[in-house]
Amino acid sequence: LRLLCWIQGDPISRTSPVIIDASKEVPDLKRAIKDAVSVTFKGTDAKDITLYKVCLPIDGTLERKLKNLQYDDPLEDTGTLSEIFKDVRLRAHLHIVVQSPDSEGPCHELLLSGIELFILG
């Protein structure tokens, strides 16, 4: 499973791919994200990272769509990634928004100030 990360605080154009076995679970994905962007999450426990599943095309409307999303349903730590990301074959799509525990305020407020993170498949 190949997911592309977009980290809160980075510009939309800056992403980091994460490759993880589809049989793994959300806590494993959090650890993989933390390892992929270790500088950003230095001193942060992977369990404290919050993930939001989305499925948005990477195009000129992405930033606007992210600003308008409701970030009130974080991924639970149960279930395999293959169950959660059934549609991951959509290549140029954003699949996860990741929020650091160090962020202040709701995720949508951070997005408005240019602080973001996401994962694509």
PDB file of N, CA and C in Angstrom:
ATOM      1  N   LEU A   1       0.857  -1.170   0.000  1.00  0.00           N
ATOM      2  CA  LEU A   1       0.000   0.000   0.000  1.00  0.00           C
ATOM      3  C   LEU A   1       0.903   1.233   0.000  1.00  0.00           C
ATOM      4  N   ARG A   2       0.690   2.122  -0.954  1.00  0.00           N
ATOM      5  CA  ARG A   2       1.489   3.354  -1.028  1.00  0.00           C
ATOM      6  C   ARG A   2       0.581   4.547  -0.740  1.00  0.00           C
ATOM      7  N   LEU A   3       0.916   5.268   0.304  1.00  0.00           N
ATOM      8  CA  LEU A   3       0.156   6.443   0.714  1.00  0.00           C
ATOM      9  C   LEU A   3       1.097   7.635   0.705  1.00  0.00           C
ATOM     10  N   LEU A   4       0.628   8.742   0.229  1.00  0.00           N
ATOM     11  CA  LEU A   4       1.445   9.952   0.185  1.00  0.00           C
ATOM     12  C   LEU A   4       1.035  10.877   1.325  1.00  0.00           C
ATOM     13  N   CYS A   5       1.978  11.243   2.186  1.00  0.00           N
ATOM     14  CA  CYS A   5       1.715  12.076   3.363  1.00  0.00           C
ATOM     15  C   CYS A   5       1.862  13.549   3.058  1.00  0.00           C
ATOM     16  N   TRP A   6       1.019  14.307   3.651  1.00  0.00           N
ATOM     17  CA  TRP A   6       1.126  15.766   3.623  1.00  0.00           C
ATOM     18  C   TRP A   6       1.089  16.215   5.081  1.00  0.00           C
ATOM     19  N   ILE A   7       2.146  16.797   5.574  1.00  0.00           N
ATOM     20  CA  ILE A   7       2.311  17.104   6.989  1.00  0.00           C
ATOM     21  C   ILE A   7       1.830  18.511   7.324  1.00  0.00           C
ATOM     22  N   GLN A   8       1.110  18.624   8.428  1.00  0.00           N
ATOM     23  CA  GLN A   8       0.653  19.940   8.883  1.00  0.00           C
ATOM     24  C   GLN A   8       1.850  20.865   9.007  1.00  0.00           C
ATOM     25  N   GLY A   9       1.720  22.031   8.429  1.00  0.00           N
ATOM     26  CA  GLY A   9       2.793  23.001   8.467  1.00  0.00           C
ATOM     27  C   GLY A   9       3.573  23.073   7.168  1.00  0.00           C
ATOM     28  N   ASP A  10       3.479  22.022   6.360  1.00  0.00           N
ATOM     29  CA  ASP A  10       4.162  22.000   5.067  1.00  0.00           C
ATOM     30  C   ASP A  10       3.262  22.569   3.981  1.00  0.00           C
ATOM     31  N   PRO A  11       3.845  23.109   2.918  1.00  0.00           N
ATOM     32  CA  PRO A  11       3.019  23.537   1.785  1.00  0.00           C
ATOM     33  C   PRO A  11       2.346  22.329   1.140  1.00  0.00           C
ATOM     34  N   ILE A  12       1.252  22.546   0.467  1.00  0.00           N
ATOM     35  CA  ILE A  12       0.521  21.459  -0.173  1.00  0.00           C
ATOM     36  C   ILE A  12       1.405  20.700  -1.153  1.00  0.00           C
ATOM     37  N   SER A  13       2.328  21.379  -1.778  1.00  0.00           N
ATOM     38  CA  SER A  13       3.182  20.746  -2.785  1.00  0.00           C
ATOM     39  C   SER A  13       4.249  19.827  -2.189  1.00  0.00           C
ATOM     40  N   ARG A  14       4.457  19.863  -0.898  1.00  0.00           N
ATOM     41  CA  ARG A  14       5.504  19.051  -0.265  1.00  0.00           C
ATOM     42  C   ARG A  14       4.887  17.825   0.389  1.00  0.00           C
ATOM     43  N   THR A  15       5.183  16.653  -0.172  1.00  0.00           N
ATOM     44  CA  THR A  15       4.609  15.408   0.327  1.00  0.00           C
ATOM     45  C   THR A  15       5.703  14.385   0.595  1.00  0.00           C
ATOM     46  N   SER A  16       5.371  13.370   1.392  1.00  0.00           N
ATOM     47  CA  SER A  16       6.277  12.266   1.698  1.00  0.00           C
ATOM     48  C   SER A  16       5.521  10.963   1.519  1.00  0.00           C
ATOM     49  N   PRO A  17       5.996  10.060   0.656  1.00  0.00           N
ATOM     50  CA  PRO A  17       5.303   8.786   0.484  1.00  0.00           C
ATOM     51  C   PRO A  17       5.546   7.859   1.674  1.00  0.00           C
ATOM     52  N   VAL A  18       4.532   7.080   2.003  1.00  0.00           N
ATOM     53  CA  VAL A  18       4.635   6.045   3.026  1.00  0.00           C
ATOM     54  C   VAL A  18       4.207   4.738   2.381  1.00  0.00           C
ATOM     55  N   ILE A  19       5.066   3.738   2.467  1.00  0.00           N
ATOM     56  CA  ILE A  19       4.737   2.415   1.939  1.00  0.00           C
ATOM     57  C   ILE A  19       4.560   1.490   3.134  1.00  0.00           C
ATOM     58  N   ILE A  20       3.403   0.816   3.186  1.00  0.00           N
ATOM     59  CA  ILE A  20       3.063  -0.025   4.330  1.00  0.00           C
ATOM     60  C   ILE A  20       2.213  -1.192   3.853  1.00  0.00           C
ATOM     61  N   ASP A  21       2.359  -2.316   4.504  1.00  0.00           N
ATOM     62  CA  ASP A  21       1.580  -3.505   4.168  1.00  0.00           C
ATOM     63  C   ASP A  21       0.104  -3.257   4.474  1.00  0.00           C
ATOM     64  N   ALA A  22      -0.762  -3.630   3.556  1.00  0.00           N
ATOM     65  CA  ALA A  22      -2.205  -3.396   3.705  1.00  0.00           C
ATOM     66  C   ALA A  22      -2.814  -4.183   4.859  1.00  0.00           C
ATOM     67  N   SER A  23      -2.121  -5.219   5.339  1.00  0.00           N
ATOM     68  CA  SER A  23      -2.644  -6.004   6.457  1.00  0.00           C
ATOM     69  C   SER A  23      -2.377  -5.336   7.808  1.00  0.00           C
ATOM     70  N   LYS A  24      -1.597  -4.262   7.811  1.00  0.00           N
ATOM     71  CA  LYS A  24      -1.302  -3.535   9.053  1.00  0.00           C
ATOM     72  C   LYS A  24      -2.519  -2.720   9.492  1.00  0.00           C
ATOM     73  N   GLU A  25      -2.434  -2.172  10.711  1.00  0.00           N
ATOM     74  CA  GLU A  25      -3.538  -1.396  11.275  1.00  0.00           C
ATOM     75  C   GLU A  25      -3.140   0.073  11.447  1.00  0.00           C
ATOM     76  N   VAL A  26      -4.088   0.893  11.857  1.00  0.00           N
ATOM     77  CA  VAL A  26      -3.879   2.337  11.980  1.00  0.00           C
ATOM     78  C   VAL A  26      -2.683   2.687  12.883  1.00  0.00           C
ATOM     79  N   PRO A  27      -2.495   2.048  14.043  1.00  0.00           N
ATOM     80  CA  PRO A  27      -1.307   2.381  14.846  1.00  0.00           C
ATOM     81  C   PRO A  27       0.001   2.146  14.083  1.00  0.00           C
ATOM     82  N   ASP A  28       0.029   1.108  13.234  1.00  0.00           N
ATOM     83  CA  ASP A  28       1.215   0.851  12.414  1.00  0.00           C
ATOM     84  C   ASP A  28       1.418   1.975  11.398  1.00  0.00           C
ATOM     85  N   LEU A  29       0.329   2.468  10.828  1.00  0.00           N
ATOM     86  CA  LEU A  29       0.403   3.574   9.874  1.00  0.00           C
ATOM     87  C   LEU A  29       0.918   4.841  10.563  1.00  0.00           C
ATOM     88  N   LYS A  30       0.459   5.091  11.768  1.00  0.00           N
ATOM     89  CA  LYS A  30       0.943   6.254  12.516  1.00  0.00           C
ATOM     90  C   LYS A  30       2.453   6.167  12.732  1.00  0.00           C
ATOM     91  N   ARG A  31       2.942   4.960  13.089  1.00  0.00           N
ATOM     92  CA  ARG A  31       4.385   4.780  13.280  1.00  0.00           C
ATOM     93  C   ARG A  31       5.136   4.975  11.967  1.00  0.00           C
ATOM     94  N   ALA A  32       4.575   4.467  10.861  1.00  0.00           N
ATOM     95  CA  ALA A  32       5.218   4.617   9.550  1.00  0.00           C
ATOM     96  C   ALA A  32       5.298   6.087   9.145  1.00  0.00           C
ATOM     97  N   ILE A  33       4.249   6.833   9.415  1.00  0.00           N
ATOM     98  CA  ILE A  33       4.248   8.269   9.109  1.00  0.00           C
ATOM     99  C   ILE A  33       5.303   8.972   9.957  1.00  0.00           C
ATOM    100  N   LYS A  34       5.322   8.646  11.237  1.00  0.00           N
ATOM    101  CA  LYS A  34       6.307   9.266  12.133  1.00  0.00           C
ATOM    102  C   LYS A  34       7.721   8.971  11.658  1.00  0.00           C
ATOM    103  N   ASP A  35       7.984   7.736  11.239  1.00  0.00           N
ATOM    104  CA  ASP A  35       9.314   7.368  10.748  1.00  0.00           C
ATOM    105  C   ASP A  35       9.655   8.085   9.445  1.00  0.00           C
ATOM    106  N   ALA A  36       8.667   8.239   8.567  1.00  0.00           N
ATOM    107  CA  ALA A  36       8.898   8.870   7.260  1.00  0.00           C
ATOM    108  C   ALA A  36       9.221  10.354   7.395  1.00  0.00           C
ATOM    109  N   VAL A  37       8.662  10.982   8.387  1.00  0.00           N
ATOM    110  CA  VAL A  37       8.876  12.422   8.597  1.00  0.00           C
ATOM    111  C   VAL A  37       9.356  12.657  10.027  1.00  0.00           C
ATOM    112  N   SER A  38      10.421  11.966  10.399  1.00  0.00           N
ATOM    113  CA  SER A  38      10.890  11.957  11.780  1.00  0.00           C
ATOM    114  C   SER A  38      11.233  13.340  12.328  1.00  0.00           C
ATOM    115  N   VAL A  39      11.711  14.237  11.498  1.00  0.00           N
ATOM    116  CA  VAL A  39      12.045  15.579  11.982  1.00  0.00           C
ATOM    117  C   VAL A  39      10.787  16.306  12.455  1.00  0.00           C
ATOM    118  N   THR A  40       9.711  16.194  11.683  1.00  0.00           N
ATOM    119  CA  THR A  40       8.456  16.865  12.030  1.00  0.00           C
ATOM    120  C   THR A  40       7.869  16.331  13.331  1.00  0.00           C
ATOM    121  N   PHE A  41       7.960  15.015  13.530  1.00  0.00           N
ATOM    122  CA  PHE A  41       7.330  14.394  14.693  1.00  0.00           C
ATOM    123  C   PHE A  41       8.329  14.005  15.780  1.00  0.00           C
ATOM    124  N   LYS A  42       9.489  14.656  15.795  1.00  0.00           N
ATOM    125  CA  LYS A  42      10.500  14.392  16.819  1.00  0.00           C
ATOM    126  C   LYS A  42       9.900  14.706  18.190  1.00  0.00           C
ATOM    127  N   GLY A  43      10.016  13.761  19.108  1.00  0.00           N
ATOM    128  CA  GLY A  43       9.482  13.960  20.446  1.00  0.00           C
ATOM    129  C   GLY A  43       7.994  13.690  20.571  1.00  0.00           C
ATOM    130  N   THR A  44       7.365  13.211  19.491  1.00  0.00           N
ATOM    131  CA  THR A  44       5.931  12.913  19.497  1.00  0.00           C
ATOM    132  C   THR A  44       5.730  11.406  19.464  1.00  0.00           C
ATOM    133  N   ASP A  45       4.869  10.895  20.320  1.00  0.00           N
ATOM    134  CA  ASP A  45       4.503   9.484  20.251  1.00  0.00           C
ATOM    135  C   ASP A  45       3.579   9.281  19.066  1.00  0.00           C
ATOM    136  N   ALA A  46       3.809   8.213  18.314  1.00  0.00           N
ATOM    137  CA  ALA A  46       2.969   7.924  17.151  1.00  0.00           C
ATOM    138  C   ALA A  46       1.503   7.820  17.552  1.00  0.00           C
ATOM    139  N   LYS A  47       1.228   7.297  18.737  1.00  0.00           N
ATOM    140  CA  LYS A  47      -0.163   7.131  19.176  1.00  0.00           C
ATOM    141  C   LYS A  47      -0.890   8.465  19.333  1.00  0.00           C
ATOM    142  N   ASP A  48      -0.139   9.551  19.436  1.00  0.00           N
ATOM    143  CA  ASP A  48      -0.741  10.873  19.619  1.00  0.00           C
ATOM    144  C   ASP A  48      -1.023  11.603  18.311  1.00  0.00           C
ATOM    145  N   ILE A  49      -0.658  11.001  17.186  1.00  0.00           N
ATOM    146  CA  ILE A  49      -0.937  11.588  15.874  1.00  0.00           C
ATOM    147  C   ILE A  49      -2.376  11.242  15.498  1.00  0.00           C
ATOM    148  N   THR A  50      -3.118  12.201  14.978  1.00  0.00           N
ATOM    149  CA  THR A  50      -4.506  11.986  14.572  1.00  0.00           C
ATOM    150  C   THR A  50      -4.588  11.925  13.055  1.00  0.00           C
ATOM    151  N   LEU A  51      -5.287  10.902  12.539  1.00  0.00           N
ATOM    152  CA  LEU A  51      -5.447  10.718  11.099  1.00  0.00           C
ATOM    153  C   LEU A  51      -6.907  10.906  10.706  1.00  0.00           C
ATOM    154  N   TYR A  52      -7.123  11.586   9.591  1.00  0.00           N
ATOM    155  CA  TYR A  52      -8.459  11.777   9.025  1.00  0.00           C
ATOM    156  C   TYR A  52      -8.454  11.233   7.605  1.00  0.00           C
ATOM    157  N   LYS A  53      -9.363  10.325   7.305  1.00  0.00           N
ATOM    158  CA  LYS A  53      -9.447   9.766   5.959  1.00  0.00           C
ATOM    159  C   LYS A  53     -10.251  10.701   5.063  1.00  0.00           C
ATOM    160  N   VAL A  54      -9.694  10.960   3.888  1.00  0.00           N
ATOM    161  CA  VAL A  54     -10.379  11.729   2.856  1.00  0.00           C
ATOM    162  C   VAL A  54     -10.094  11.047   1.525  1.00  0.00           C
ATOM    163  N   CYS A  55     -10.771  11.454   0.491  1.00  0.00           N
ATOM    164  CA  CYS A  55     -10.492  10.974  -0.865  1.00  0.00           C
ATOM    165  C   CYS A  55     -10.719  12.157  -1.802  1.00  0.00           C
ATOM    166  N   LEU A  56      -9.667  12.937  -1.976  1.00  0.00           N
ATOM    167  CA  LEU A  56      -9.756  14.167  -2.763  1.00  0.00           C
ATOM    168  C   LEU A  56      -8.733  14.136  -3.889  1.00  0.00           C
ATOM    169  N   PRO A  57      -9.145  14.494  -5.105  1.00  0.00           N
ATOM    170  CA  PRO A  57      -8.176  14.538  -6.202  1.00  0.00           C
ATOM    171  C   PRO A  57      -7.151  15.648  -5.968  1.00  0.00           C
ATOM    172  N   ILE A  58      -5.925  15.360  -6.368  1.00  0.00           N
ATOM    173  CA  ILE A  58      -4.876  16.365  -6.277  1.00  0.00           C
ATOM    174  C   ILE A  58      -4.983  17.235  -7.520  1.00  0.00           C
ATOM    175  N   ASP A  59      -5.589  18.381  -7.332  1.00  0.00           N
ATOM    176  CA  ASP A  59      -5.756  19.317  -8.444  1.00  0.00           C
ATOM    177  C   ASP A  59      -5.821  20.731  -7.876  1.00  0.00           C
ATOM    178  N   GLY A  60      -6.181  21.669  -8.681  1.00  0.00           N
ATOM    179  CA  GLY A  60      -6.219  23.067  -8.266  1.00  0.00           C
ATOM    180  C   GLY A  60      -7.253  23.390  -7.205  1.00  0.00           C
ATOM    181  N   THR A  61      -8.161  22.454  -6.919  1.00  0.00           N
ATOM    182  CA  THR A  61      -9.208  22.708  -5.924  1.00  0.00           C
ATOM    183  C   THR A  61      -8.891  22.104  -4.558  1.00  0.00           C
ATOM    184  N   LEU A  62      -7.763  21.408  -4.437  1.00  0.00           N
ATOM    185  CA  LEU A  62      -7.452  20.682  -3.206  1.00  0.00           C
ATOM    186  C   LEU A  62      -7.425  21.585  -1.974  1.00  0.00           C
ATOM    187  N   GLU A  63      -6.715  22.689  -2.044  1.00  0.00           N
ATOM    188  CA  GLU A  63      -6.604  23.560  -0.874  1.00  0.00           C
ATOM    189  C   GLU A  63      -7.972  24.058  -0.419  1.00  0.00           C
ATOM    190  N   ARG A  64      -8.812  24.467  -1.356  1.00  0.00           N
ATOM    191  CA  ARG A  64     -10.159  24.941  -1.015  1.00  0.00           C
ATOM    192  C   ARG A  64     -10.977  23.821  -0.380  1.00  0.00           C
ATOM    193  N   LYS A  65     -10.890  22.616  -0.944  1.00  0.00           N
ATOM    194  CA  LYS A  65     -11.653  21.487  -0.405  1.00  0.00           C
ATOM    195  C   LYS A  65     -11.197  21.133   1.004  1.00  0.00           C
ATOM    196  N   LEU A  66      -9.902  21.176   1.247  1.00  0.00           N
ATOM    197  CA  LEU A  66      -9.395  20.874   2.584  1.00  0.00           C
ATOM    198  C   LEU A  66      -9.873  21.907   3.605  1.00  0.00           C
ATOM    199  N   LYS A  67      -9.934  23.152   3.210  1.00  0.00           N
ATOM    200  CA  LYS A  67     -10.398  24.204   4.121  1.00  0.00           C
ATOM    201  C   LYS A  67     -11.867  24.028   4.489  1.00  0.00           C
ATOM    202  N   ASN A  68     -12.641  23.416   3.588  1.00  0.00           N
ATOM    203  CA  ASN A  68     -14.080  23.265   3.813  1.00  0.00           C
ATOM    204  C   ASN A  68     -14.467  21.932   4.444  1.00  0.00           C
ATOM    205  N   LEU A  69     -13.515  21.043   4.650  1.00  0.00           N
ATOM    206  CA  LEU A  69     -13.821  19.738   5.237  1.00  0.00           C
ATOM    207  C   LEU A  69     -14.137  19.853   6.722  1.00  0.00           C
ATOM    208  N   GLN A  70     -14.967  18.945   7.202  1.00  0.00           N
ATOM    209  CA  GLN A  70     -15.252  18.829   8.626  1.00  0.00           C
ATOM    210  C   GLN A  70     -14.291  17.786   9.195  1.00  0.00           C
ATOM    211  N   TYR A  71     -13.420  18.191  10.090  1.00  0.00           N
ATOM    212  CA  TYR A  71     -12.446  17.283  10.694  1.00  0.00           C
ATOM    213  C   TYR A  71     -12.957  16.832  12.056  1.00  0.00           C
ATOM    214  N   ASP A  72     -14.035  16.055  12.040  1.00  0.00           N
ATOM    215  CA  ASP A  72     -14.623  15.627  13.304  1.00  0.00           C
ATOM    216  C   ASP A  72     -14.733  14.114  13.417  1.00  0.00           C
ATOM    217  N   ASP A  73     -14.124  13.377  12.491  1.00  0.00           N
ATOM    218  CA  ASP A  73     -14.234  11.921  12.507  1.00  0.00           C
ATOM    219  C   ASP A  73     -12.863  11.285  12.271  1.00  0.00           C
ATOM    220  N   PRO A  74     -11.975  11.323  13.278  1.00  0.00           N
ATOM    221  CA  PRO A  74     -10.648  10.739  13.096  1.00  0.00           C
ATOM    222  C   PRO A  74     -10.724   9.223  12.944  1.00  0.00           C
ATOM    223  N   LEU A  75      -9.714   8.657  12.286  1.00  0.00           N
ATOM    224  CA  LEU A  75      -9.657   7.207  12.131  1.00  0.00           C
ATOM    225  C   LEU A  75      -9.486   6.553  13.494  1.00  0.00           C
ATOM    226  N   GLU A  76     -10.222   5.483  13.707  1.00  0.00           N
ATOM    227  CA  GLU A  76     -10.067   4.685  14.919  1.00  0.00           C
ATOM    228  C   GLU A  76      -8.823   3.815  14.766  1.00  0.00           C
ATOM    229  N   ASP A  77      -8.275   3.351  15.869  1.00  0.00           N
ATOM    230  CA  ASP A  77      -7.069   2.527  15.827  1.00  0.00           C
ATOM    231  C   ASP A  77      -7.350   1.059  15.527  1.00  0.00           C
ATOM    232  N   THR A  78      -8.570   0.732  15.138  1.00  0.00           N
ATOM    233  CA  THR A  78      -8.921  -0.652  14.833  1.00  0.00           C
ATOM    234  C   THR A  78      -9.170  -0.825  13.340  1.00  0.00           C
ATOM    235  N   GLY A  79      -9.078  -2.040  12.884  1.00  0.00           N
ATOM    236  CA  GLY A  79      -9.320  -2.337  11.473  1.00  0.00           C
ATOM    237  C   GLY A  79      -8.035  -2.303  10.668  1.00  0.00           C
ATOM    238  N   THR A  80      -7.979  -3.145   9.650  1.00  0.00           N
ATOM    239  CA  THR A  80      -6.792  -3.185   8.805  1.00  0.00           C
ATOM    240  C   THR A  80      -6.836  -2.070   7.769  1.00  0.00           C
ATOM    241  N   LEU A  81      -5.673  -1.706   7.289  1.00  0.00           N
ATOM    242  CA  LEU A  81      -5.587  -0.653   6.277  1.00  0.00           C
ATOM    243  C   LEU A  81      -6.281  -1.072   4.992  1.00  0.00           C
ATOM    244  N   SER A  82      -6.277  -2.377   4.682  1.00  0.00           N
ATOM    245  CA  SER A  82      -6.972  -2.840   3.472  1.00  0.00           C
ATOM    246  C   SER A  82      -8.471  -2.607   3.576  1.00  0.00           C
ATOM    247  N   GLU A  83      -9.029  -2.685   4.780  1.00  0.00           N
ATOM    248  CA  GLU A  83     -10.448  -2.397   4.984  1.00  0.00           C
ATOM    249  C   GLU A  83     -10.716  -0.895   4.886  1.00  0.00           C
ATOM    250  N   ILE A  84      -9.830  -0.106   5.439  1.00  0.00           N
ATOM    251  CA  ILE A  84     -10.015   1.346   5.490  1.00  0.00           C
ATOM    252  C   ILE A  84      -9.778   1.994   4.131  1.00  0.00           C
ATOM    253  N   PHE A  85      -8.770   1.516   3.407  1.00  0.00           N
ATOM    254  CA  PHE A  85      -8.378   2.127   2.132  1.00  0.00           C
ATOM    255  C   PHE A  85      -8.708   1.229   0.952  1.00  0.00           C
ATOM    256  N   LYS A  86      -9.956   0.849   0.832  1.00  0.00           N
ATOM    257  CA  LYS A  86     -10.390   0.006  -0.287  1.00  0.00           C
ATOM    258  C   LYS A  86     -10.183   0.705  -1.624  1.00  0.00           C
ATOM    259  N   ASP A  87     -10.250   2.031  -1.645  1.00  0.00           N
ATOM    260  CA  ASP A  87     -10.153   2.808  -2.876  1.00  0.00           C
ATOM    261  C   ASP A  87      -8.765   3.401  -3.102  1.00  0.00           C
ATOM    262  N   VAL A  88      -7.747   2.859  -2.454  1.00  0.00           N
ATOM    263  CA  VAL A  88      -6.409   3.440  -2.520  1.00  0.00           C
ATOM    264  C   VAL A  88      -5.792   3.370  -3.916  1.00  0.00           C
ATOM    265  N   ARG A  89      -6.368   2.613  -4.810  1.00  0.00           N
ATOM    266  CA  ARG A  89      -5.839   2.516  -6.172  1.00  0.00           C
ATOM    267  C   ARG A  89      -5.988   3.832  -6.937  1.00  0.00           C
ATOM    268  N   LEU A  90      -6.762   4.736  -6.414  1.00  0.00           N
ATOM    269  CA  LEU A  90      -6.899   6.054  -7.026  1.00  0.00           C
ATOM    270  C   LEU A  90      -5.591   6.799  -6.805  1.00  0.00           C
ATOM    271  N   ARG A  91      -4.762   6.840  -7.826  1.00  0.00           N
ATOM    272  CA  ARG A  91      -3.417   7.382  -7.673  1.00  0.00           C
ATOM    273  C   ARG A  91      -3.413   8.855  -7.285  1.00  0.00           C
ATOM    274  N   ALA A  92      -3.769   9.739  -8.029  1.00  0.00           N
ATOM    275  CA  ALA A  92      -3.593  11.163  -7.720  1.00  0.00           C
ATOM    276  C   ALA A  92      -4.686  11.675  -6.788  1.00  0.00           C
ATOM    277  N   HIS A  93      -4.846  10.998  -5.655  1.00  0.00           N
ATOM    278  CA  HIS A  93      -5.858  11.394  -4.672  1.00  0.00           C
ATOM    279  C   HIS A  93      -5.246  11.473  -3.277  1.00  0.00           C
ATOM    280  N   LEU A  94      -5.701  12.410  -2.522  1.00  0.00           N
ATOM    281  CA  LEU A  94      -5.349  12.541  -1.121  1.00  0.00           C
ATOM    282  C   LEU A  94      -6.240  11.595  -0.327  1.00  0.00           C
ATOM    283  N   HIS A  95      -5.629  10.797   0.558  1.00  0.00           N
ATOM    284  CA  HIS A  95      -6.407   9.839   1.332  1.00  0.00           C
ATOM    285  C   HIS A  95      -6.420  10.105   2.830  1.00  0.00           C
ATOM    286  N   ILE A  96      -5.440  10.840   3.349  1.00  0.00           N
ATOM    287  CA  ILE A  96      -5.399  11.091   4.795  1.00  0.00           C
ATOM    288  C   ILE A  96      -4.884  12.490   5.085  1.00  0.00           C
ATOM    289  N   VAL A  97      -5.519  13.129   6.031  1.00  0.00           N
ATOM    290  CA  VAL A  97      -4.999  14.366   6.609  1.00  0.00           C
ATOM    291  C   VAL A  97      -4.498  13.980   7.994  1.00  0.00           C
ATOM    292  N   VAL A  98      -3.272  14.375   8.321  1.00  0.00           N
ATOM    293  CA  VAL A  98      -2.667  14.008   9.595  1.00  0.00           C
ATOM    294  C   VAL A  98      -2.468  15.257  10.438  1.00  0.00           C
ATOM    295  N   GLN A  99      -2.911  15.165  11.686  1.00  0.00           N
ATOM    296  CA  GLN A  99      -2.784  16.296  12.607  1.00  0.00           C
ATOM    297  C   GLN A  99      -1.854  15.915  13.748  1.00  0.00           C
ATOM    298  N   SER A 100      -0.884  16.755  14.003  1.00  0.00           N
ATOM    299  CA  SER A 100       0.065  16.550  15.088  1.00  0.00           C
ATOM    300  C   SER A 100      -0.568  16.965  16.415  1.00  0.00           C
ATOM    301  N   PRO A 101      -0.216  16.287  17.511  1.00  0.00           N
ATOM    302  CA  PRO A 101      -0.753  16.697  18.813  1.00  0.00           C
ATOM    303  C   PRO A 101      -0.237  18.069  19.246  1.00  0.00           C
ATOM    304  N   ASP A 102       0.836  18.545  18.618  1.00  0.00           N
ATOM    305  CA  ASP A 102       1.391  19.854  18.963  1.00  0.00           C
ATOM    306  C   ASP A 102       0.602  21.001  18.355  1.00  0.00           C
ATOM    307  N   SER A 103      -0.298  20.673  17.432  1.00  0.00           N
ATOM    308  CA  SER A 103      -1.095  21.705  16.768  1.00  0.00           C
ATOM    309  C   SER A 103      -2.105  22.282  17.744  1.00  0.00           C
ATOM    310  N   GLU A 104      -2.349  23.563  17.615  1.00  0.00           N
ATOM    311  CA  GLU A 104      -3.342  24.216  18.465  1.00  0.00           C
ATOM    312  C   GLU A 104      -4.611  24.455  17.672  1.00  0.00           C
ATOM    313  N   GLY A 105      -5.749  24.213  18.284  1.00  0.00           N
ATOM    314  CA  GLY A 105      -7.029  24.460  17.628  1.00  0.00           C
ATOM    315  C   GLY A 105      -7.404  23.341  16.680  1.00  0.00           C
ATOM    316  N   PRO A 106      -8.616  23.400  16.146  1.00  0.00           N
ATOM    317  CA  PRO A 106      -9.083  22.370  15.229  1.00  0.00           C
ATOM    318  C   PRO A 106      -8.292  22.370  13.936  1.00  0.00           C
ATOM    319  N   CYS A 107      -8.278  21.231  13.308  1.00  0.00           N
ATOM    320  CA  CYS A 107      -7.505  21.053  12.080  1.00  0.00           C
ATOM    321  C   CYS A 107      -7.896  22.058  11.009  1.00  0.00           C
ATOM    322  N   HIS A 108      -9.183  22.366  10.864  1.00  0.00           N
ATOM    323  CA  HIS A 108      -9.577  23.285   9.791  1.00  0.00           C
ATOM    324  C   HIS A 108      -9.010  24.683  10.010  1.00  0.00           C
ATOM    325  N   GLU A 109      -8.832  25.093  11.255  1.00  0.00           N
ATOM    326  CA  GLU A 109      -8.215  26.395  11.507  1.00  0.00           C
ATOM    327  C   GLU A 109      -6.750  26.369  11.102  1.00  0.00           C
ATOM    328  N   LEU A 110      -6.074  25.245  11.336  1.00  0.00           N
ATOM    329  CA  LEU A 110      -4.681  25.117  10.941  1.00  0.00           C
ATOM    330  C   LEU A 110      -4.556  25.146   9.430  1.00  0.00           C
ATOM    331  N   LEU A 111      -5.486  24.521   8.744  1.00  0.00           N
ATOM    332  CA  LEU A 111      -5.445  24.512   7.292  1.00  0.00           C
ATOM    333  C   LEU A 111      -5.562  25.923   6.744  1.00  0.00           C
ATOM    334  N   LEU A 112      -6.391  26.721   7.362  1.00  0.00           N
ATOM    335  CA  LEU A 112      -6.569  28.087   6.888  1.00  0.00           C
ATOM    336  C   LEU A 112      -5.291  28.905   7.032  1.00  0.00           C
ATOM    337  N   SER A 113      -4.462  28.544   7.999  1.00  0.00           N
ATOM    338  CA  SER A 113      -3.212  29.279   8.179  1.00  0.00           C
ATOM    339  C   SER A 113      -2.049  28.604   7.466  1.00  0.00           C
ATOM    340  N   GLY A 114      -2.339  27.609   6.648  1.00  0.00           N
ATOM    341  CA  GLY A 114      -1.300  26.961   5.861  1.00  0.00           C
ATOM    342  C   GLY A 114      -0.575  25.841   6.575  1.00  0.00           C
ATOM    343  N   ILE A 115      -1.173  25.282   7.622  1.00  0.00           N
ATOM    344  CA  ILE A 115      -0.539  24.194   8.355  1.00  0.00           C
ATOM    345  C   ILE A 115      -1.309  22.917   8.030  1.00  0.00           C
ATOM    346  N   GLU A 116      -0.705  22.022   7.234  1.00  0.00           N
ATOM    347  CA  GLU A 116      -1.421  20.848   6.761  1.00  0.00           C
ATOM    348  C   GLU A 116      -0.550  19.600   6.648  1.00  0.00           C
ATOM    349  N   LEU A 117      -1.186  18.388   6.587  1.00  0.00           N
ATOM    350  CA  LEU A 117      -0.516  17.126   6.296  1.00  0.00           C
ATOM    351  C   LEU A 117      -1.492  16.163   5.662  1.00  0.00           C
ATOM    352  N   PHE A 118      -1.080  15.442   4.633  1.00  0.00           N
ATOM    353  CA  PHE A 118      -1.977  14.474   4.034  1.00  0.00           C
ATOM    354  C   PHE A 118      -1.257  13.260   3.510  1.00  0.00           C
ATOM    355  N   ILE A 119      -2.053  12.245   3.188  1.00  0.00           N
ATOM    356  CA  ILE A 119      -1.521  11.013   2.624  1.00  0.00           C
ATOM    357  C   ILE A 119      -2.304  10.645   1.383  1.00  0.00           C
ATOM    358  N   LEU A 120      -1.613  10.307   0.338  1.00  0.00           N
ATOM    359  CA  LEU A 120      -2.202   9.934  -0.956  1.00  0.00           C
ATOM    360  C   LEU A 120      -1.956   8.484  -1.267  1.00  0.00           C
ATOM    361  N   GLY A 121      -2.761   7.947  -2.141  1.00  0.00           N
ATOM    362  CA  GLY A 121      -2.517   6.596  -2.625  1.00  0.00           C
ATOM    363  C   GLY A 121      -2.393   6.571  -4.112  1.00  0.00           C
TER     364      GLY A 121
END
